[in-house]
Amino acid sequence: MGRSANVAETSQGIDASKKIKGREWHLITDTLGLVLAVLVTAANVHDTTGGKLLLDDLAASHPGGTKVWADGGYQYSIP
């Protein structure tokens, strides 16, 4: 999560659990670490919401993908 003085206040949020104001980066890489998809959201957007949006982007841009490993915070994003 990050904070920036030059990012509009409306695009930031407060992560209630961490009590930090800023934005979150959701990221998917391949097994080599190459970036396949990125989503930046306000900190108050829940991981499951960001995960669903990011997986939709991944499916559209890389339809051949068959398996995703994810952090526990995304457990309800994957059907």
Protein backbone atom coordinates (compact mmCIF):
# COMPACT_ATOMS: atom_id res chain seq x y z
CA MET A 1 0.00 0.00 0.00
CA GLY A 2 1.27 3.45 -0.72
CA ARG A 3 0.61 7.08 -0.08
CA SER A 4 1.32 9.94 -2.42
CA ALA A 5 0.94 13.67 -2.10
CA ASN A 6 0.29 14.02 -5.83
CA VAL A 7 -2.62 11.54 -6.01
CA ALA A 8 -6.16 12.91 -5.84
CA GLU A 9 -7.75 12.59 -2.42
CA THR A 10 -10.82 10.98 -4.03
CA SER A 11 -8.76 8.05 -5.35
CA GLN A 12 -7.39 7.22 -1.91
CA GLY A 13 -9.09 5.42 0.93
CA ILE A 14 -8.45 4.23 4.46
CA ASP A 15 -7.66 0.59 5.11
CA ALA A 16 -9.58 0.11 8.38
CA SER A 17 -7.58 -2.91 9.50
CA LYS A 18 -4.20 -1.24 8.98
CA LYS A 19 -5.40 2.32 9.68
CA ILE A 20 -3.44 3.59 6.68
CA LYS A 21 -4.63 6.06 4.10
CA GLY A 22 -3.59 5.44 0.52
CA ARG A 23 -3.98 3.02 -2.35
CA GLU A 24 -3.48 -0.72 -2.87
CA TRP A 25 -1.86 -2.55 -5.74
CA HIS A 26 -3.26 -5.90 -6.83
CA LEU A 27 -0.80 -7.75 -9.04
CA ILE A 28 -0.68 -11.00 -11.01
CA THR A 29 2.62 -12.36 -12.34
CA ASP A 30 3.58 -15.50 -14.20
CA THR A 31 5.94 -18.08 -12.70
CA LEU A 32 8.93 -16.06 -13.91
CA GLY A 33 7.69 -12.94 -12.13
CA LEU A 34 6.64 -11.12 -15.31
CA VAL A 35 3.61 -8.88 -14.73
CA LEU A 36 0.41 -10.10 -16.39
CA ALA A 37 -2.15 -7.78 -14.78
CA VAL A 38 -2.19 -4.85 -12.35
CA LEU A 39 -5.02 -3.04 -10.61
CA VAL A 40 -4.64 -0.01 -8.33
CA THR A 41 -7.53 0.74 -5.99
CA ALA A 42 -8.25 2.98 -3.04
CA ALA A 43 -7.11 1.35 0.22
CA ASN A 44 -10.71 0.89 1.39
CA VAL A 45 -11.55 -1.45 -1.53
CA HIS A 46 -11.65 -4.99 -0.11
CA ASP A 47 -9.18 -7.55 -1.48
CA THR A 48 -12.00 -9.78 -2.72
CA THR A 49 -13.40 -6.95 -4.86
CA GLY A 50 -9.97 -6.10 -6.26
CA GLY A 51 -9.26 -9.79 -6.84
CA LYS A 52 -12.45 -10.34 -8.83
CA LEU A 53 -11.76 -7.32 -11.04
CA LEU A 54 -8.15 -8.36 -11.57
CA LEU A 55 -9.09 -11.95 -12.44
CA ASP A 56 -11.61 -10.65 -14.99
CA ASP A 57 -8.84 -8.56 -16.58
CA LEU A 58 -6.50 -11.55 -16.58
CA ALA A 59 -9.08 -13.84 -18.20
CA ALA A 60 -9.73 -11.28 -20.95
CA SER A 61 -6.06 -10.64 -21.73
CA HIS A 62 -4.69 -14.17 -21.15
CA PRO A 63 -7.52 -16.65 -21.87
CA GLY A 64 -5.15 -19.65 -21.80
CA GLY A 65 -4.43 -19.32 -18.07
CA THR A 66 -5.51 -22.37 -16.08
CA LYS A 67 -4.24 -21.96 -12.51
CA VAL A 68 -3.83 -19.07 -10.06
CA TRP A 69 -2.11 -19.10 -6.66
CA ALA A 70 -3.34 -16.33 -4.40
CA ASP A 71 -2.80 -14.84 -0.96
CA GLY A 72 -5.42 -15.80 1.64
CA GLY A 73 -6.97 -12.32 1.45
CA TYR A 74 -8.28 -13.22 -2.00
CA GLN A 75 -9.90 -16.51 -0.96
CA TYR A 76 -13.43 -15.44 -1.91
CA SER A 77 -12.39 -13.91 -5.26
CA ILE A 78 -11.89 -17.20 -7.04
CA PRO A 79 -15.10 -19.14 -7.86
